[in-house]
Structure formats: structure tokens, C-alpha cells
């Protein structure tokens, strides 16, 4: 048993090493700016969906309002750079502000939304999302209205621009994934999963459900706000329809369900599949709604045929192939009947 565990850990370590080398060397192998652009967006969504999964995947509360944190992080960096006259590469020092703004919005947002249960929570997140989108449209002196906010100019060459943002997005993706890895097996993560399985029973066992949900919600919002700031600097512009985009939340849900909701690698795999495919469809076809239609079709196919996601379903198939129909746990052998004792000898022999 110990040898099997050691072998599995060695294989996992080797896989992580290969993955890290491939991720770091990606811009060196694929020098095309188009390919690097795809990779930057994919990594941005890897970070965003991993942060979303820390709350929604572990707690079972599906949020359709994380675009609030994403867009607010983008606006925070843009407005601060504009009003504080931050130029050039100094704008990257404002990225912690994007995370702080996301966390600051999550606290009152969560105190209101997390008092209700799952289905009502979804409705409240949608309502708060549209409130923030309308504010971005109408607070012209602050958000720029329909014009939005532009990012400061970065004095980089085109190739250097894409490569540097690739590594910045990779850092965000690694940060979000590491947070998910640390949270899931911890006591905090166990409490979140207990809430997901049965919140009333978790409360009965002493879990402070509101406190745990709010902490996970705030942590998830902080990382999402940080990613929104990076996205803004990469795109160089944020407007209400792009910063507060309802398709952003739907994409996160689809990525998480495709890979495996509540797992670590599932949302990452889903983002690496969905986002490049969506970008390709937007470039390949002039119909702007085709990618959204296909996203809906893919979501229906996942719900019908792979409801648990790629990672849990794939793990189950591998387990079946390894056992080849045999039970995973060997049956416990039944004890043989004990032989008759001397005291149970026939009466005649006992008298002799």
C-alpha cells in the first residue's frame, strides 16, 4: 500500500514538473502573437474559474455575480490610474487595489445574499450584477459612462507585450490554483463541503455557516478582482458591457461543470477547452451570437451526458478499467464454524 502511494506521488510530481516546464516554455515554442493571445485569455479564465470554484464549487452556492468583482477590479485600476496620474509600468502597483476592491464589495454583497439558500442566492447575485452594470453606464463622471476608462500606455514592443502578459496571467492562474489546493483539504474546505452536502446538518455539528460562506466568498472575490485588473491592463480599455458581461459568469459555470465542479483540476481543464474554442469561433465566424449558441448546446450536452464533469467521470472510467469489473474492496472472508469443545462430548463418554 505504501509503495502504491509513493508511486502515485512520484507520478503526480513528474506530471506537475512537465506541466510547469511546458507552461513556462510556451511563449518560446509558440512565438506567434495570435497563439500567445489565446493563451493569455485562457490563463485569465483559468484564474477566474479557479477562484469562482473556491466558493461555488466547494460550498454548492452557484454565483452568477462574479462579474461584479471582475469588472470592479478592472474599473478600480483604471480609475485610480486616471485620477492619481499613474503612467507606464507603475500601473501594475495598482493590482493589489483591484483585489482589495473585490473583497470590499464582497463583504456587504455576501452579508445580504448569503442569508438565503441556494436558489434564491442565484437570483440575488443576478440582481446585484445588473445594479453594478447600470451604475457603470450612468455614473459618467466616475466610470466614463459608455466610453469607459482607458489604461495607461505601456512602452513595450508587441512581442514583449504579449509575452509579459502571458507570464502575468500564468502567475494569476498559479495563485488561484494554489489557493484552491490549500483550501480544499483544510478544515475550512471541509466546512465548505459540509455546507454543500447538508447545510442544516453542518450547522448542527457546530459549523458557523454564515462566517465560513462569507470568508470563502470574500477570498474568491479578491482573486477575481485581481484577475479583472490584469485583464483591463491587457485589453487597455474597460466599458460597462465588457467589464460587467453576463456571459462572463455563464462561461465560468460552463467551464466548472465541464471539467468537474468542486474538483481542483476540473475547472482548469474546462477553461483551457472552452475559452480558446470561444475565441476561435468569434474569429472564424462573423456571426457574433454563434459562439453563445454553441456554448448553450455544449452546456446542455454536459448536463445530459457528463453531469459530473470530465475529471470525476474520467476517474470513474479509469477505476473500472483497472478493476475490470472486480470490486474495489475485497470481500471479507466469513469465519469457519468452531469445532465442538470437550465439554460438549456425549453424555455416555462423560460418565466413563
Protein backbone atom coordinates (compact mmCIF):
# COMPACT_ATOMS: atom_id res chain seq x y z
CA UNK A 1 0.00 0.00 0.00
CA UNK A 2 2.84 2.39 0.90
CA UNK A 3 4.58 1.59 -2.38
CA UNK A 4 1.43 2.39 -4.34
CA UNK A 5 1.01 5.76 -2.58
CA UNK A 6 4.68 6.61 -3.17
CA UNK A 7 4.36 5.69 -6.84
CA UNK A 8 1.26 7.87 -7.21
CA UNK A 9 3.01 10.81 -5.56
CA UNK A 10 6.03 10.36 -7.81
CA UNK A 11 3.82 10.31 -10.91
CA UNK A 12 1.94 13.40 -9.70
CA UNK A 13 5.21 15.22 -9.08
CA UNK A 14 6.51 14.27 -12.52
CA UNK A 15 3.28 15.43 -14.16
CA UNK A 16 3.43 18.78 -12.32
CA UNK A 17 7.07 19.24 -13.35
CA UNK A 18 6.29 18.55 -17.01
CA UNK A 19 3.28 20.88 -16.84
CA UNK A 20 5.36 23.66 -15.26
CA UNK A 21 8.09 23.35 -17.89
CA UNK A 22 5.51 23.37 -20.68
CA UNK A 23 3.75 26.43 -19.24
CA UNK A 24 6.97 28.42 -18.78
CA UNK A 25 8.33 27.49 -22.21
CA UNK A 26 5.07 28.02 -24.11
CA UNK A 27 5.88 31.53 -25.48
CA UNK A 28 9.33 30.33 -26.52
CA UNK A 29 7.92 27.44 -28.54
CA UNK A 30 4.89 29.26 -29.98
CA UNK A 31 6.19 32.68 -30.95
CA UNK A 32 3.02 33.72 -32.80
CA UNK A 33 1.25 36.63 -31.09
CA UNK A 34 -2.11 35.13 -32.07
CA UNK A 35 -1.36 31.90 -30.21
CA UNK A 36 0.01 33.81 -27.23
CA UNK A 37 -3.14 35.94 -27.18
CA UNK A 38 -5.24 32.78 -26.96
CA UNK A 39 -3.05 31.55 -24.12
CA UNK A 40 -3.33 34.82 -22.17
CA UNK A 41 -7.12 34.77 -22.27
CA UNK A 42 -7.19 31.07 -21.39
CA UNK A 43 -4.98 31.65 -18.33
CA UNK A 44 -7.09 34.63 -17.24
CA UNK A 45 -10.13 32.38 -17.24
CA UNK A 46 -8.20 29.59 -15.52
CA UNK A 47 -7.54 32.01 -12.67
CA UNK A 48 -11.11 33.35 -12.65
CA UNK A 49 -12.85 29.96 -12.70
CA UNK A 50 -10.47 28.54 -10.06
CA UNK A 51 -11.33 31.49 -7.80
CA UNK A 52 -15.04 31.01 -8.53
CA UNK A 53 -14.71 27.30 -7.72
CA UNK A 54 -13.22 28.05 -4.29
CA UNK A 55 -16.60 29.44 -3.31
CA UNK A 56 -19.25 27.99 -5.61
CA UNK A 57 -17.66 24.59 -6.24
CA UNK A 58 -16.84 23.88 -2.60
CA UNK A 59 -19.95 25.39 -0.99
CA UNK A 60 -22.57 24.49 -3.61
CA UNK A 61 -23.78 28.10 -3.88
CA UNK A 62 -23.69 28.86 -7.62
CA UNK A 63 -22.79 32.52 -8.11
CA UNK A 64 -23.84 34.36 -11.25
CA UNK A 65 -22.47 37.66 -9.99
CA UNK A 66 -18.70 37.23 -10.05
CA UNK A 67 -18.56 39.62 -13.00
CA UNK A 68 -19.23 42.30 -10.35
CA UNK A 69 -15.79 41.63 -8.82
CA UNK A 70 -14.11 41.15 -12.19
CA UNK A 71 -15.43 44.41 -13.63
CA UNK A 72 -14.95 46.36 -10.40
CA UNK A 73 -11.31 45.27 -10.24
CA UNK A 74 -10.82 46.49 -13.80
CA UNK A 75 -12.53 49.82 -13.09
CA UNK A 76 -10.58 50.25 -9.84
CA UNK A 77 -7.24 50.05 -11.64
CA UNK A 78 -8.39 52.32 -14.48
CA UNK A 79 -9.97 55.00 -12.29
CA UNK A 80 -7.04 55.02 -9.85
CA UNK A 81 -4.53 55.33 -12.70
CA UNK A 82 -6.55 58.17 -14.23
CA UNK A 83 -7.18 60.15 -11.05
CA UNK A 84 -3.77 59.56 -9.47
CA UNK A 85 -1.94 60.16 -12.77
CA UNK A 86 -0.16 56.80 -12.73
CA UNK A 87 1.61 56.13 -16.02
CA UNK A 88 3.74 53.44 -17.64
CA UNK A 89 4.60 50.26 -15.80
CA UNK A 90 3.80 51.90 -12.46
CA UNK A 91 0.20 50.93 -13.10
CA UNK A 92 0.98 47.34 -12.08
CA UNK A 93 1.39 48.57 -8.50
CA UNK A 94 -2.38 49.17 -8.53
CA UNK A 95 -3.24 45.48 -8.96
CA UNK A 96 -3.48 44.86 -5.18
CA UNK A 97 -6.08 47.64 -5.16
CA UNK A 98 -8.19 45.59 -7.60
CA UNK A 99 -8.09 42.63 -5.19
CA UNK A 100 -8.95 44.89 -2.24
CA UNK A 101 -11.91 46.41 -4.09
CA UNK A 102 -13.24 42.96 -4.99
CA UNK A 103 -13.01 41.85 -1.35
CA UNK A 104 -14.56 45.10 -0.09
CA UNK A 105 -17.58 44.68 -2.38
CA UNK A 106 -17.95 41.02 -1.43
CA UNK A 107 -18.49 41.72 2.28
CA UNK A 108 -21.78 43.69 2.08
CA UNK A 109 -22.79 41.72 -1.01
CA UNK A 110 -22.31 38.45 0.88
CA UNK A 111 -23.95 39.66 4.07
CA UNK A 112 -27.12 40.23 2.04
CA UNK A 113 -27.02 37.35 -0.45
CA UNK A 114 -25.72 34.57 1.80
CA UNK A 115 -28.61 34.86 4.24
CA UNK A 116 -30.76 32.93 1.79
CA UNK A 117 -30.37 29.44 0.37
CA UNK A 118 -29.02 28.34 -2.98
CA UNK A 119 -31.79 29.10 -5.49
CA UNK A 120 -32.64 32.49 -4.05
CA UNK A 121 -28.92 33.25 -3.82
CA UNK A 122 -28.59 32.86 -7.60
CA UNK A 123 -31.38 35.38 -8.16
CA UNK A 124 -29.79 37.91 -5.79
CA UNK A 125 -26.39 37.63 -7.49
CA UNK A 126 -28.01 38.34 -10.86
CA UNK A 127 -29.83 41.38 -9.42
CA UNK A 128 -26.63 42.80 -7.88
CA UNK A 129 -24.81 42.23 -11.17
CA UNK A 130 -27.31 44.35 -13.11
CA UNK A 131 -27.17 47.07 -10.43
CA UNK A 132 -23.40 47.39 -10.93
CA UNK A 133 -23.74 47.33 -14.71
CA UNK A 134 -26.32 50.15 -14.61
CA UNK A 135 -24.09 52.14 -12.26
CA UNK A 136 -21.20 51.79 -14.70
CA UNK A 137 -23.42 53.08 -17.51
CA UNK A 138 -24.86 56.05 -15.62
CA UNK A 139 -22.08 57.34 -13.33
CA UNK A 140 -20.44 59.20 -16.22
CA UNK A 141 -18.15 61.43 -14.15
CA UNK A 142 -16.73 58.42 -12.32
CA UNK A 143 -16.81 55.47 -14.72
CA UNK A 144 -16.81 57.31 -18.04
CA UNK A 145 -20.27 56.02 -18.96
CA UNK A 146 -20.48 54.28 -22.30
CA UNK A 147 -16.94 55.43 -23.19
CA UNK A 148 -15.41 53.64 -20.23
CA UNK A 149 -11.86 54.01 -18.92
CA UNK A 150 -8.62 53.56 -20.86
CA UNK A 151 -5.45 52.04 -19.45
CA UNK A 152 -2.10 53.90 -19.43
CA UNK A 153 0.21 53.26 -22.34
CA UNK A 154 2.86 50.60 -21.73
CA UNK A 155 6.18 51.24 -23.56
CA UNK A 156 6.67 47.66 -24.71
CA UNK A 157 7.17 46.16 -28.14
CA UNK A 158 4.28 43.97 -29.45
CA UNK A 159 6.13 40.69 -28.83
CA UNK A 160 7.27 41.76 -25.38
CA UNK A 161 3.74 42.95 -24.57
CA UNK A 162 2.16 39.54 -25.22
CA UNK A 163 4.92 37.54 -23.55
CA UNK A 164 4.95 39.63 -20.37
CA UNK A 165 1.18 39.45 -20.00
CA UNK A 166 1.35 35.71 -20.61
CA UNK A 167 3.59 35.26 -17.58
CA UNK A 168 1.50 37.69 -15.53
CA UNK A 169 -1.67 35.73 -16.37
CA UNK A 170 0.19 32.49 -15.64
CA UNK A 171 1.11 33.85 -12.21
CA UNK A 172 -2.55 34.65 -11.51
CA UNK A 173 -3.60 31.17 -12.64
CA UNK A 174 -0.98 29.54 -10.40
CA UNK A 175 -2.03 31.72 -7.45
CA UNK A 176 -5.72 30.84 -7.83
CA UNK A 177 -4.96 27.12 -8.25
CA UNK A 178 -2.66 27.03 -5.22
CA UNK A 179 -5.36 28.71 -3.12
CA UNK A 180 -7.84 26.04 -4.24
CA UNK A 181 -5.32 23.27 -3.45
CA UNK A 182 -4.72 24.68 0.04
CA UNK A 183 -8.38 25.33 0.84
CA UNK A 184 -9.92 22.01 -0.27
CA UNK A 185 -8.27 19.61 2.25
CA UNK A 186 -8.14 22.16 5.08
CA UNK A 187 -10.65 22.42 7.91
CA UNK A 188 -12.06 25.48 6.16
CA UNK A 189 -12.56 23.46 2.98
CA UNK A 190 -14.14 20.57 4.87
CA UNK A 191 -16.61 23.00 6.42
CA UNK A 192 -17.48 24.38 2.98
CA UNK A 193 -18.09 20.88 1.63
CA UNK A 194 -20.18 20.02 4.67
CA UNK A 195 -22.33 23.06 3.87
CA UNK A 196 -22.60 21.84 0.29
CA UNK A 197 -23.72 18.37 1.33
CA UNK A 198 -26.20 19.37 4.05
CA UNK A 199 -26.10 22.89 5.49
CA UNK A 200 -28.56 22.22 8.31
CA UNK A 201 -26.61 19.20 9.48
CA UNK A 202 -23.35 21.18 9.22
CA UNK A 203 -24.86 23.84 11.49
CA UNK A 204 -25.88 21.12 13.92
CA UNK A 205 -22.29 19.88 14.01
CA UNK A 206 -21.03 23.32 15.01
CA UNK A 207 -20.10 24.88 11.64
CA UNK A 208 -20.64 28.66 11.59
CA UNK A 209 -22.13 28.52 8.10
CA UNK A 210 -22.54 32.25 7.53
CA UNK A 211 -19.00 33.02 8.62
CA UNK A 212 -17.48 30.23 6.52
CA UNK A 213 -19.50 31.14 3.40
CA UNK A 214 -18.66 34.83 3.72
CA UNK A 215 -14.93 34.10 4.12
CA UNK A 216 -14.90 31.91 1.01
CA UNK A 217 -16.97 34.46 -0.91
CA UNK A 218 -14.57 37.27 0.01
CA UNK A 219 -11.46 35.23 -0.84
CA UNK A 220 -12.94 34.27 -4.20
CA UNK A 221 -13.91 37.89 -4.91
CA UNK A 222 -10.42 39.19 -4.09
CA UNK A 223 -8.74 36.87 -6.58
CA UNK A 224 -11.41 37.61 -9.21
CA UNK A 225 -10.89 41.37 -8.74
CA UNK A 226 -7.13 40.91 -9.18
CA UNK A 227 -7.69 38.97 -12.41
CA UNK A 228 -10.04 41.71 -13.61
CA UNK A 229 -7.28 44.26 -13.12
CA UNK A 230 -4.85 42.18 -15.19
CA UNK A 231 -7.49 41.73 -17.91
CA UNK A 232 -8.05 45.51 -18.03
CA UNK A 233 -4.36 46.28 -18.48
CA UNK A 234 -4.11 43.65 -21.20
CA UNK A 235 -7.21 44.82 -23.07
CA UNK A 236 -6.26 48.52 -22.41
CA UNK A 237 -9.97 49.50 -22.11
CA UNK A 238 -12.96 48.71 -19.94
CA UNK A 239 -16.56 49.57 -20.76
CA UNK A 240 -19.80 48.58 -18.97
CA UNK A 241 -20.74 45.82 -21.48
CA UNK A 242 -17.28 44.25 -21.33
CA UNK A 243 -16.47 44.81 -17.66
CA UNK A 244 -19.89 43.64 -16.45
CA UNK A 245 -20.60 40.97 -19.01
CA UNK A 246 -23.30 38.37 -18.15
CA UNK A 247 -21.58 35.86 -20.43
CA UNK A 248 -18.55 36.00 -18.12
CA UNK A 249 -20.45 34.26 -15.32
CA UNK A 250 -22.10 31.81 -17.70
CA UNK A 251 -18.67 30.92 -19.09
CA UNK A 252 -17.33 30.28 -15.58
CA UNK A 253 -20.26 27.97 -14.79
CA UNK A 254 -19.81 26.08 -18.06
CA UNK A 255 -16.05 25.68 -17.54
CA UNK A 256 -16.51 24.38 -13.99
CA UNK A 257 -19.29 21.95 -14.93
CA UNK A 258 -17.38 20.70 -17.97
CA UNK A 259 -14.24 19.89 -16.02
CA UNK A 260 -15.86 18.86 -12.74
CA UNK A 261 -17.47 21.16 -10.18
CA UNK A 262 -15.70 21.16 -6.84
CA UNK A 263 -12.51 19.49 -8.09
CA UNK A 264 -9.12 21.20 -8.43
CA UNK A 265 -8.14 20.28 -11.99
CA UNK A 266 -11.66 20.20 -13.44
CA UNK A 267 -12.24 23.98 -13.76
CA UNK A 268 -8.71 24.40 -15.11
CA UNK A 269 -9.33 21.83 -17.84
CA UNK A 270 -12.70 23.39 -18.63
CA UNK A 271 -11.17 26.85 -19.04
CA UNK A 272 -8.38 25.54 -21.27
CA UNK A 273 -11.00 23.95 -23.53
CA UNK A 274 -13.81 26.50 -23.56
CA UNK A 275 -12.01 29.85 -23.78
CA UNK A 276 -9.70 29.08 -26.77
CA UNK A 277 -12.63 27.45 -28.56
CA UNK A 278 -14.79 30.51 -27.93
CA UNK A 279 -12.08 32.87 -29.20
CA UNK A 280 -11.60 30.74 -32.31
CA UNK A 281 -15.32 30.76 -33.07
CA UNK A 282 -15.51 34.54 -32.64
CA UNK A 283 -12.69 34.99 -35.15
CA UNK A 284 -13.74 32.22 -37.52
CA UNK A 285 -17.38 33.24 -37.89
CA UNK A 286 -18.71 36.76 -38.35
CA UNK A 287 -21.97 35.94 -36.53
CA UNK A 288 -21.31 37.22 -33.04
CA UNK A 289 -24.02 35.06 -31.48
CA UNK A 290 -22.79 31.73 -32.85
CA UNK A 291 -20.35 31.13 -30.01
CA UNK A 292 -23.07 31.86 -27.44
CA UNK A 293 -25.42 29.42 -29.16
CA UNK A 294 -22.74 26.74 -29.21
CA UNK A 295 -21.97 27.41 -25.53
CA UNK A 296 -25.61 26.71 -24.73
CA UNK A 297 -25.54 23.50 -26.77
CA UNK A 298 -22.34 22.37 -25.01
CA UNK A 299 -23.86 23.11 -21.61
CA UNK A 300 -26.93 21.01 -22.41
CA UNK A 301 -24.72 18.16 -23.65
CA UNK A 302 -22.70 18.26 -20.43
CA UNK A 303 -25.79 18.19 -18.23
CA UNK A 304 -27.26 15.27 -20.19
CA UNK A 305 -24.21 13.09 -20.84
CA UNK A 306 -21.43 14.12 -18.42
CA UNK A 307 -23.26 15.69 -15.47
CA UNK A 308 -20.35 15.15 -13.06
CA UNK A 309 -17.73 16.63 -15.40
CA UNK A 310 -14.70 15.29 -17.24
CA UNK A 311 -12.44 14.70 -14.24
CA UNK A 312 -14.84 12.71 -11.98
CA UNK A 313 -16.27 10.73 -14.92
CA UNK A 314 -12.81 10.02 -16.35
CA UNK A 315 -11.56 8.88 -12.94
CA UNK A 316 -14.50 6.51 -12.64
CA UNK A 317 -13.81 5.02 -16.08
CA UNK A 318 -10.13 4.53 -15.25
CA UNK A 319 -11.07 2.83 -11.98
CA UNK A 320 -13.41 0.46 -13.82
CA UNK A 321 -10.71 -0.42 -16.35
CA UNK A 322 -8.18 -1.10 -13.61
CA UNK A 323 -10.51 -3.31 -11.61
CA UNK A 324 -12.09 -4.94 -14.74
CA UNK A 325 -15.41 -5.41 -13.06
CA UNK A 326 -13.94 -6.73 -9.78
CA UNK A 327 -14.98 -4.98 -6.58
CA UNK A 328 -12.52 -2.31 -5.47
CA UNK A 329 -12.56 -3.64 -1.88
CA UNK A 330 -12.09 -7.39 -1.48
CA UNK A 331 -14.95 -9.12 0.35
CA UNK A 332 -14.23 -10.04 3.99
CA UNK A 333 -13.98 -13.87 4.36
CA UNK A 334 -16.57 -15.44 6.64
CA UNK A 335 -15.25 -17.21 9.74
CA UNK A 336 -15.35 -21.03 9.73
CA UNK A 337 -17.58 -22.69 12.39
CA UNK A 338 -15.69 -23.53 15.59
CA UNK A 339 -15.08 -27.26 16.33
CA UNK A 340 -17.08 -28.78 19.20
CA UNK A 341 -15.39 -28.44 22.59
CA UNK A 342 -14.66 -31.27 25.01
CA UNK A 343 -17.43 -30.18 27.29
CA UNK A 344 -19.90 -30.94 24.52
CA UNK A 345 -18.98 -34.67 24.44
CA UNK A 346 -21.81 -37.25 24.56
CA UNK A 347 -23.22 -37.99 28.00
CA UNK A 348 -22.11 -41.62 27.90
CA UNK A 349 -18.44 -40.74 27.34
CA UNK A 350 -18.58 -38.15 30.11
CA UNK A 351 -19.82 -40.83 32.60
CA UNK A 352 -16.93 -43.10 31.64
